[in-house]
Amino acid sequence: VLVVQEISGKFGGTGVWKMPTGVVDEGEDICDAAIREVKEETGVEAEFVEVLAFRQSHKSFFQKSDLFFVCMLQPQSFDIQNQASEIEAAKWMPVEDYAAQPFVQENELFKFIAKICLTKLDGNYTGFSNKASKTTSGKKTYLYFNNNANMKLAS
């Protein structure tokens, strides 16, 4: 898994290795935002695979309701170039090592996300794939759905 240590913010200077995160720009699709944030923070080119999970909370981020998406991407490059303004360090780490970090083990949300990632690695978890489509007015849209092995909806 690709992980980063942030320069500032909640995790700045803590030594915690975390997955790259960021904010969706206005009018940006989730799948595109995940790709952009990974590229901005690490220089790694990637393709969207699926949403593994998402979390909803209220009055947390700028006092607004917040959706946090855990996305799986397929790297197209492996060379890392840190975003100097935000990222102290970045590296590839075995998912098991990420999951074993004390911070992850002590935080219910991050511990559960790590369990999802480990279960996905074992081939026993299916997230939400995306299907490009258009609204009735012709605008691009994505439908996210569970495309498990028994369903051939995406083809």
N, C-alpha and C. Protein backbone atom coordinates (compact mmCIF):
# COMPACT_ATOMS: atom_id res chain seq x y z
N VAL A 1 0.86 -1.17 0.00
CA VAL A 1 0.00 0.00 0.00
C VAL A 1 0.90 1.24 0.00
N LEU A 2 0.47 2.27 -0.69
CA LEU A 2 1.19 3.54 -0.73
C LEU A 2 0.82 4.34 0.52
N VAL A 3 1.83 4.76 1.27
CA VAL A 3 1.58 5.50 2.51
C VAL A 3 2.43 6.76 2.55
N VAL A 4 1.96 7.73 3.34
CA VAL A 4 2.66 9.01 3.47
C VAL A 4 2.75 9.42 4.93
N GLN A 5 3.72 10.28 5.22
CA GLN A 5 3.79 10.99 6.50
C GLN A 5 3.61 12.46 6.16
N GLU A 6 2.66 13.10 6.81
CA GLU A 6 2.34 14.49 6.51
C GLU A 6 3.24 15.44 7.29
N ILE A 7 3.47 16.62 6.71
CA ILE A 7 4.28 17.66 7.35
C ILE A 7 3.50 18.35 8.46
N SER A 8 2.22 18.64 8.19
CA SER A 8 1.42 19.38 9.17
C SER A 8 0.06 18.71 9.32
N GLY A 9 -0.82 19.36 10.05
CA GLY A 9 -2.15 18.81 10.29
C GLY A 9 -2.14 17.83 11.45
N LYS A 10 -3.22 17.12 11.61
CA LYS A 10 -3.40 16.20 12.73
C LYS A 10 -2.29 15.17 12.83
N PHE A 11 -1.78 14.70 11.70
CA PHE A 11 -0.78 13.64 11.71
C PHE A 11 0.64 14.15 11.50
N GLY A 12 0.80 15.45 11.30
CA GLY A 12 2.12 16.03 11.08
C GLY A 12 3.06 15.77 12.24
N GLY A 13 4.25 15.25 11.95
CA GLY A 13 5.27 15.04 12.96
C GLY A 13 5.02 13.89 13.92
N THR A 14 4.00 13.07 13.65
CA THR A 14 3.67 11.97 14.57
C THR A 14 4.37 10.66 14.22
N GLY A 15 4.92 10.58 13.02
CA GLY A 15 5.53 9.33 12.57
C GLY A 15 4.53 8.33 12.05
N VAL A 16 3.25 8.69 12.02
CA VAL A 16 2.21 7.80 11.52
C VAL A 16 2.28 7.72 10.00
N TRP A 17 2.29 6.50 9.48
CA TRP A 17 2.17 6.29 8.04
C TRP A 17 0.69 6.12 7.74
N LYS A 18 0.16 6.94 6.84
CA LYS A 18 -1.26 6.90 6.50
C LYS A 18 -1.42 6.86 4.99
N MET A 19 -2.58 6.48 4.56
CA MET A 19 -2.86 6.49 3.13
C MET A 19 -3.05 7.93 2.67
N PRO A 20 -2.68 8.24 1.42
CA PRO A 20 -2.91 9.60 0.92
C PRO A 20 -4.40 9.96 1.00
N THR A 21 -4.67 11.19 1.39
CA THR A 21 -6.06 11.65 1.49
C THR A 21 -6.16 13.05 0.90
N GLY A 22 -7.38 13.51 0.74
CA GLY A 22 -7.58 14.85 0.22
C GLY A 22 -9.05 15.18 0.10
N VAL A 23 -9.31 16.31 -0.52
CA VAL A 23 -10.66 16.83 -0.66
C VAL A 23 -11.06 16.81 -2.13
N VAL A 24 -12.29 16.42 -2.40
CA VAL A 24 -12.82 16.44 -3.75
C VAL A 24 -13.09 17.89 -4.14
N ASP A 25 -12.61 18.29 -5.31
CA ASP A 25 -12.88 19.63 -5.81
C ASP A 25 -14.33 19.73 -6.28
N GLU A 26 -14.88 20.93 -6.25
CA GLU A 26 -16.25 21.12 -6.72
C GLU A 26 -16.38 20.62 -8.15
N GLY A 27 -17.38 19.79 -8.41
CA GLY A 27 -17.62 19.25 -9.74
C GLY A 27 -16.75 18.05 -10.10
N GLU A 28 -15.91 17.59 -9.17
CA GLU A 28 -14.99 16.48 -9.44
C GLU A 28 -15.61 15.16 -8.97
N ASP A 29 -15.43 14.12 -9.74
CA ASP A 29 -15.92 12.80 -9.37
C ASP A 29 -14.99 12.15 -8.36
N ILE A 30 -15.54 11.28 -7.51
CA ILE A 30 -14.77 10.60 -6.47
C ILE A 30 -13.58 9.86 -7.07
N CYS A 31 -13.84 9.11 -8.14
CA CYS A 31 -12.77 8.31 -8.75
C CYS A 31 -11.64 9.20 -9.27
N ASP A 32 -11.98 10.34 -9.85
CA ASP A 32 -10.96 11.26 -10.36
C ASP A 32 -10.22 11.95 -9.22
N ALA A 33 -10.92 12.28 -8.15
CA ALA A 33 -10.28 12.94 -7.00
C ALA A 33 -9.24 12.02 -6.35
N ALA A 34 -9.56 10.74 -6.22
CA ALA A 34 -8.61 9.79 -5.62
C ALA A 34 -7.34 9.71 -6.46
N ILE A 35 -7.49 9.63 -7.76
CA ILE A 35 -6.33 9.57 -8.66
C ILE A 35 -5.52 10.86 -8.55
N ARG A 36 -6.20 12.01 -8.56
CA ARG A 36 -5.51 13.31 -8.49
C ARG A 36 -4.76 13.47 -7.18
N GLU A 37 -5.39 13.14 -6.07
CA GLU A 37 -4.73 13.31 -4.76
C GLU A 37 -3.48 12.44 -4.64
N VAL A 38 -3.55 11.20 -5.09
CA VAL A 38 -2.38 10.32 -5.05
C VAL A 38 -1.27 10.90 -5.92
N LYS A 39 -1.61 11.38 -7.10
CA LYS A 39 -0.62 11.98 -8.01
C LYS A 39 -0.01 13.23 -7.38
N GLU A 40 -0.84 14.11 -6.82
CA GLU A 40 -0.34 15.35 -6.22
C GLU A 40 0.59 15.08 -5.05
N GLU A 41 0.21 14.17 -4.16
CA GLU A 41 0.98 13.94 -2.94
C GLU A 41 2.22 13.08 -3.15
N THR A 42 2.17 12.17 -4.14
CA THR A 42 3.27 11.20 -4.28
C THR A 42 3.88 11.12 -5.67
N GLY A 43 3.25 11.71 -6.66
CA GLY A 43 3.73 11.59 -8.03
C GLY A 43 3.38 10.28 -8.70
N VAL A 44 2.70 9.39 -8.00
CA VAL A 44 2.37 8.07 -8.54
C VAL A 44 1.13 8.16 -9.43
N GLU A 45 1.27 7.67 -10.66
CA GLU A 45 0.14 7.58 -11.60
C GLU A 45 -0.65 6.33 -11.24
N ALA A 46 -1.98 6.43 -11.27
CA ALA A 46 -2.81 5.28 -10.89
C ALA A 46 -4.13 5.30 -11.65
N GLU A 47 -4.78 4.15 -11.67
CA GLU A 47 -6.12 4.01 -12.22
C GLU A 47 -7.07 3.61 -11.10
N PHE A 48 -8.29 4.11 -11.16
CA PHE A 48 -9.31 3.77 -10.17
C PHE A 48 -9.74 2.32 -10.34
N VAL A 49 -9.88 1.59 -9.23
CA VAL A 49 -10.38 0.22 -9.25
C VAL A 49 -11.77 0.17 -8.62
N GLU A 50 -11.87 0.60 -7.35
CA GLU A 50 -13.17 0.58 -6.69
C GLU A 50 -13.14 1.35 -5.38
N VAL A 51 -14.33 1.69 -4.89
CA VAL A 51 -14.49 2.24 -3.55
C VAL A 51 -14.60 1.04 -2.62
N LEU A 52 -13.70 0.95 -1.64
CA LEU A 52 -13.74 -0.17 -0.70
C LEU A 52 -14.76 0.07 0.41
N ALA A 53 -14.89 1.33 0.82
CA ALA A 53 -15.80 1.67 1.92
C ALA A 53 -15.96 3.18 1.96
N PHE A 54 -16.96 3.65 2.69
CA PHE A 54 -17.05 5.08 2.94
C PHE A 54 -17.64 5.32 4.32
N ARG A 55 -17.28 6.49 4.88
CA ARG A 55 -17.70 6.89 6.21
C ARG A 55 -18.42 8.22 6.13
N GLN A 56 -19.51 8.36 6.88
CA GLN A 56 -20.27 9.60 6.94
C GLN A 56 -20.14 10.18 8.34
N SER A 57 -19.92 11.48 8.43
CA SER A 57 -19.96 12.17 9.73
C SER A 57 -20.53 13.56 9.53
N HIS A 58 -20.90 14.19 10.62
CA HIS A 58 -21.52 15.51 10.54
C HIS A 58 -20.76 16.50 11.40
N LYS A 59 -20.73 17.75 10.95
CA LYS A 59 -20.08 18.86 11.65
C LYS A 59 -18.64 18.53 12.04
N SER A 60 -17.91 17.96 11.08
CA SER A 60 -16.52 17.62 11.38
C SER A 60 -15.54 18.42 10.52
N PHE A 61 -15.78 18.51 9.25
CA PHE A 61 -14.87 19.17 8.32
C PHE A 61 -15.49 20.49 7.90
N PHE A 62 -14.92 21.60 8.34
CA PHE A 62 -15.49 22.93 8.09
C PHE A 62 -16.93 23.02 8.60
N GLN A 63 -17.25 22.27 9.67
CA GLN A 63 -18.58 22.23 10.28
C GLN A 63 -19.66 21.76 9.30
N LYS A 64 -19.27 20.99 8.31
CA LYS A 64 -20.20 20.45 7.32
C LYS A 64 -20.29 18.94 7.48
N SER A 65 -21.31 18.36 6.87
CA SER A 65 -21.36 16.91 6.78
C SER A 65 -20.23 16.46 5.87
N ASP A 66 -19.68 15.29 6.15
CA ASP A 66 -18.47 14.84 5.47
C ASP A 66 -18.61 13.38 5.08
N LEU A 67 -18.23 13.06 3.86
CA LEU A 67 -18.14 11.67 3.41
C LEU A 67 -16.67 11.39 3.13
N PHE A 68 -16.14 10.32 3.69
CA PHE A 68 -14.75 9.91 3.52
C PHE A 68 -14.75 8.58 2.77
N PHE A 69 -14.16 8.56 1.58
CA PHE A 69 -14.16 7.37 0.74
C PHE A 69 -12.80 6.70 0.77
N VAL A 70 -12.78 5.39 0.98
CA VAL A 70 -11.56 4.59 0.89
C VAL A 70 -11.57 3.95 -0.49
N CYS A 71 -10.65 4.40 -1.35
CA CYS A 71 -10.62 3.93 -2.73
C CYS A 71 -9.41 3.05 -2.99
N MET A 72 -9.61 2.03 -3.79
CA MET A 72 -8.51 1.19 -4.24
C MET A 72 -8.12 1.65 -5.63
N LEU A 73 -6.83 1.92 -5.80
CA LEU A 73 -6.29 2.32 -7.09
C LEU A 73 -5.25 1.29 -7.53
N GLN A 74 -5.05 1.17 -8.83
CA GLN A 74 -4.00 0.31 -9.38
C GLN A 74 -2.87 1.22 -9.85
N PRO A 75 -1.68 1.11 -9.25
CA PRO A 75 -0.58 1.99 -9.67
C PRO A 75 -0.16 1.71 -11.10
N GLN A 76 0.14 2.76 -11.84
CA GLN A 76 0.67 2.66 -13.19
C GLN A 76 2.16 3.00 -13.19
N SER A 77 2.62 3.54 -12.08
CA SER A 77 4.04 3.82 -11.87
C SER A 77 4.32 3.59 -10.39
N PHE A 78 5.58 3.38 -10.06
CA PHE A 78 5.94 3.10 -8.67
C PHE A 78 6.95 4.10 -8.12
N ASP A 79 7.46 4.99 -8.97
CA ASP A 79 8.40 6.01 -8.52
C ASP A 79 7.66 7.06 -7.72
N ILE A 80 8.19 7.37 -6.54
CA ILE A 80 7.55 8.32 -5.64
C ILE A 80 8.29 9.65 -5.67
N GLN A 81 7.53 10.73 -5.78
CA GLN A 81 8.05 12.09 -5.69
C GLN A 81 7.15 12.83 -4.70
N ASN A 82 7.69 13.09 -3.51
CA ASN A 82 6.90 13.75 -2.46
C ASN A 82 6.45 15.15 -2.87
N GLN A 83 5.24 15.51 -2.51
CA GLN A 83 4.76 16.88 -2.65
C GLN A 83 5.40 17.67 -1.51
N ALA A 84 6.36 18.51 -1.83
CA ALA A 84 7.18 19.18 -0.82
C ALA A 84 6.37 20.00 0.18
N SER A 85 5.25 20.56 -0.23
CA SER A 85 4.47 21.42 0.66
C SER A 85 3.64 20.65 1.70
N GLU A 86 3.35 19.37 1.45
CA GLU A 86 2.46 18.62 2.35
C GLU A 86 3.04 17.33 2.90
N ILE A 87 3.95 16.70 2.15
CA ILE A 87 4.37 15.34 2.47
C ILE A 87 5.83 15.30 2.93
N GLU A 88 6.03 14.78 4.15
CA GLU A 88 7.37 14.61 4.72
C GLU A 88 8.07 13.42 4.07
N ALA A 89 7.34 12.31 3.92
CA ALA A 89 7.89 11.09 3.34
C ALA A 89 6.76 10.26 2.76
N ALA A 90 7.10 9.42 1.79
CA ALA A 90 6.14 8.50 1.19
C ALA A 90 6.89 7.22 0.82
N LYS A 91 6.18 6.11 0.89
CA LYS A 91 6.80 4.84 0.53
C LYS A 91 5.73 3.78 0.29
N TRP A 92 6.17 2.67 -0.31
CA TRP A 92 5.33 1.49 -0.45
C TRP A 92 5.55 0.62 0.78
N MET A 93 4.48 0.14 1.37
CA MET A 93 4.55 -0.63 2.61
C MET A 93 3.61 -1.84 2.50
N PRO A 94 4.02 -3.01 2.99
CA PRO A 94 3.07 -4.13 3.02
C PRO A 94 1.83 -3.75 3.83
N VAL A 95 0.66 -4.16 3.35
CA VAL A 95 -0.59 -3.83 4.04
C VAL A 95 -0.55 -4.32 5.48
N GLU A 96 0.08 -5.46 5.70
CA GLU A 96 0.17 -6.01 7.06
C GLU A 96 0.94 -5.07 7.99
N ASP A 97 2.00 -4.44 7.48
CA ASP A 97 2.78 -3.48 8.29
C ASP A 97 1.97 -2.22 8.57
N TYR A 98 1.21 -1.76 7.57
CA TYR A 98 0.34 -0.60 7.78
C TYR A 98 -0.66 -0.92 8.90
N ALA A 99 -1.28 -2.08 8.80
CA ALA A 99 -2.31 -2.47 9.77
C ALA A 99 -1.76 -2.67 11.17
N ALA A 100 -0.48 -3.01 11.28
CA ALA A 100 0.13 -3.30 12.58
C ALA A 100 0.58 -2.05 13.34
N GLN A 101 0.55 -0.89 12.70
CA GLN A 101 0.97 0.34 13.38
C GLN A 101 0.12 0.57 14.64
N PRO A 102 0.73 1.01 15.73
CA PRO A 102 -0.04 1.27 16.95
C PRO A 102 -1.21 2.22 16.72
N PHE A 103 -1.01 3.29 15.93
CA PHE A 103 -2.10 4.23 15.67
C PHE A 103 -3.30 3.52 15.04
N VAL A 104 -3.04 2.67 14.07
CA VAL A 104 -4.12 1.95 13.39
C VAL A 104 -4.82 1.01 14.37
N GLN A 105 -4.06 0.30 15.16
CA GLN A 105 -4.62 -0.67 16.10
C GLN A 105 -5.44 0.00 17.21
N GLU A 106 -5.10 1.24 17.54
CA GLU A 106 -5.77 1.96 18.63
C GLU A 106 -6.97 2.79 18.17
N ASN A 107 -7.16 2.95 16.86
CA ASN A 107 -8.23 3.78 16.32
C ASN A 107 -9.25 2.88 15.64
N GLU A 108 -10.47 2.86 16.15
CA GLU A 108 -11.50 1.95 15.65
C GLU A 108 -11.73 2.07 14.14
N LEU A 109 -11.84 3.29 13.63
CA LEU A 109 -12.10 3.50 12.21
C LEU A 109 -10.94 2.99 11.36
N PHE A 110 -9.71 3.41 11.69
CA PHE A 110 -8.56 3.01 10.89
C PHE A 110 -8.29 1.51 11.00
N LYS A 111 -8.57 0.93 12.16
CA LYS A 111 -8.40 -0.51 12.35
C LYS A 111 -9.37 -1.27 11.45
N PHE A 112 -10.60 -0.80 11.36
CA PHE A 112 -11.59 -1.47 10.51
C PHE A 112 -11.24 -1.30 9.04
N ILE A 113 -10.76 -0.12 8.64
CA ILE A 113 -10.33 0.09 7.26
C ILE A 113 -9.18 -0.86 6.93
N ALA A 114 -8.24 -1.01 7.84
CA ALA A 114 -7.12 -1.94 7.62
C ALA A 114 -7.64 -3.37 7.46
N LYS A 115 -8.64 -3.76 8.26
CA LYS A 115 -9.23 -5.10 8.12
C LYS A 115 -9.87 -5.28 6.75
N ILE A 116 -10.53 -4.25 6.26
CA ILE A 116 -11.12 -4.31 4.92
C ILE A 116 -10.02 -4.52 3.88
N CYS A 117 -8.93 -3.77 4.00
CA CYS A 117 -7.82 -3.89 3.05
C CYS A 117 -7.21 -5.28 3.08
N LEU A 118 -7.01 -5.83 4.27
CA LEU A 118 -6.45 -7.18 4.40
C LEU A 118 -7.41 -8.22 3.83
N THR A 119 -8.69 -8.05 4.05
CA THR A 119 -9.68 -8.98 3.51
C THR A 119 -9.72 -8.89 1.99
N LYS A 120 -9.59 -7.69 1.45
CA LYS A 120 -9.53 -7.49 0.00
C LYS A 120 -8.29 -8.20 -0.56
N LEU A 121 -7.17 -8.05 0.11
CA LEU A 121 -5.92 -8.68 -0.31
C LEU A 121 -6.08 -10.21 -0.37
N ASP A 122 -6.84 -10.76 0.55
CA ASP A 122 -7.09 -12.21 0.58
C ASP A 122 -8.11 -12.65 -0.47
N GLY A 123 -8.72 -11.69 -1.18
CA GLY A 123 -9.71 -12.02 -2.20
C GLY A 123 -11.10 -12.27 -1.66
N ASN A 124 -11.36 -11.85 -0.43
CA ASN A 124 -12.65 -12.13 0.19
C ASN A 124 -13.50 -10.89 0.40
N TYR A 125 -13.26 -9.84 -0.37
CA TYR A 125 -14.02 -8.61 -0.20
C TYR A 125 -14.18 -7.95 -1.57
N THR A 126 -15.38 -7.45 -1.84
CA THR A 126 -15.63 -6.73 -3.07
C THR A 126 -16.20 -5.36 -2.71
N GLY A 127 -15.58 -4.33 -3.24
CA GLY A 127 -16.05 -2.97 -2.98
C GLY A 127 -17.07 -2.54 -4.03
N PHE A 128 -17.08 -1.25 -4.31
CA PHE A 128 -18.02 -0.67 -5.25
C PHE A 128 -17.29 -0.23 -6.50
N SER A 129 -17.61 -0.87 -7.63
CA SER A 129 -17.05 -0.47 -8.92
C SER A 129 -17.82 0.74 -9.43
N ASN A 130 -17.25 1.40 -10.43
CA ASN A 130 -17.98 2.54 -11.00
C ASN A 130 -18.34 2.26 -12.45
N LYS A 131 -19.48 2.74 -12.85
CA LYS A 131 -19.98 2.61 -14.21
C LYS A 131 -20.27 4.01 -14.71
N ALA A 132 -19.52 4.43 -15.73
CA ALA A 132 -19.74 5.75 -16.33
C ALA A 132 -21.08 5.74 -17.06
N SER A 133 -21.80 6.83 -16.93
CA SER A 133 -23.10 6.95 -17.57
C SER A 133 -23.37 8.43 -17.82
N LYS A 134 -24.60 8.73 -18.21
CA LYS A 134 -25.02 10.12 -18.41
C LYS A 134 -26.37 10.33 -17.76
N THR A 135 -26.56 11.53 -17.23
CA THR A 135 -27.86 11.88 -16.67
C THR A 135 -28.84 12.09 -17.81
N THR A 136 -30.10 12.27 -17.50
CA THR A 136 -31.10 12.51 -18.54
C THR A 136 -30.83 13.81 -19.29
N SER A 137 -30.06 14.73 -18.66
CA SER A 137 -29.72 15.97 -19.35
C SER A 137 -28.38 15.87 -20.08
N GLY A 138 -27.77 14.67 -20.08
CA GLY A 138 -26.56 14.45 -20.85
C GLY A 138 -25.25 14.68 -20.11
N LYS A 139 -25.30 14.98 -18.82
CA LYS A 139 -24.08 15.21 -18.05
C LYS A 139 -23.46 13.88 -17.63
N LYS A 140 -22.11 13.85 -17.59
CA LYS A 140 -21.40 12.65 -17.16
C LYS A 140 -21.72 12.35 -15.70
N THR A 141 -21.92 11.08 -15.39
CA THR A 141 -22.17 10.65 -14.03
C THR A 141 -21.58 9.26 -13.83
N TYR A 142 -21.40 8.88 -12.58
CA TYR A 142 -20.93 7.53 -12.26
C TYR A 142 -21.91 6.89 -11.30
N LEU A 143 -22.22 5.64 -11.56
CA LEU A 143 -22.99 4.82 -10.64
C LEU A 143 -22.00 3.89 -9.96
N TYR A 144 -21.98 3.88 -8.64
CA TYR A 144 -21.10 2.99 -7.88
C TYR A 144 -21.95 1.82 -7.38
N PHE A 145 -21.47 0.60 -7.61
CA PHE A 145 -22.25 -0.57 -7.26
C PHE A 145 -21.34 -1.73 -6.86
N ASN A 146 -21.90 -2.67 -6.11
CA ASN A 146 -21.15 -3.84 -5.69
C ASN A 146 -21.14 -4.83 -6.85
N ASN A 147 -19.97 -5.05 -7.41
CA ASN A 147 -19.82 -5.92 -8.57
C ASN A 147 -19.10 -7.20 -8.16
N ASN A 148 -19.74 -8.00 -7.31
CA ASN A 148 -19.07 -9.22 -6.85
C ASN A 148 -18.97 -10.24 -7.97
N ALA A 149 -18.24 -11.31 -7.71
CA ALA A 149 -17.92 -12.30 -8.74
C ALA A 149 -19.16 -12.96 -9.34
N ASN A 150 -20.27 -12.96 -8.63
CA ASN A 150 -21.48 -13.61 -9.12
C ASN A 150 -22.31 -12.72 -10.04
N MET A 151 -21.93 -11.45 -10.13
CA MET A 151 -22.70 -10.51 -10.94
C MET A 151 -21.84 -10.05 -12.11
N LYS A 152 -22.41 -10.03 -13.28
CA LYS A 152 -21.67 -9.60 -14.45
C LYS A 152 -22.28 -8.30 -14.99
N LEU A 153 -22.61 -7.40 -14.08
CA LEU A 153 -23.28 -6.16 -14.44
C LEU A 153 -22.38 -5.21 -15.21
N ALA A 154 -21.09 -5.17 -14.87
CA ALA A 154 -20.20 -4.16 -15.44
C ALA A 154 -19.83 -4.47 -16.88
N SER A 155 -20.03 -5.69 -17.32
CA SER A 155 -19.61 -6.04 -18.69
C SER A 155 -20.66 -5.71 -19.71
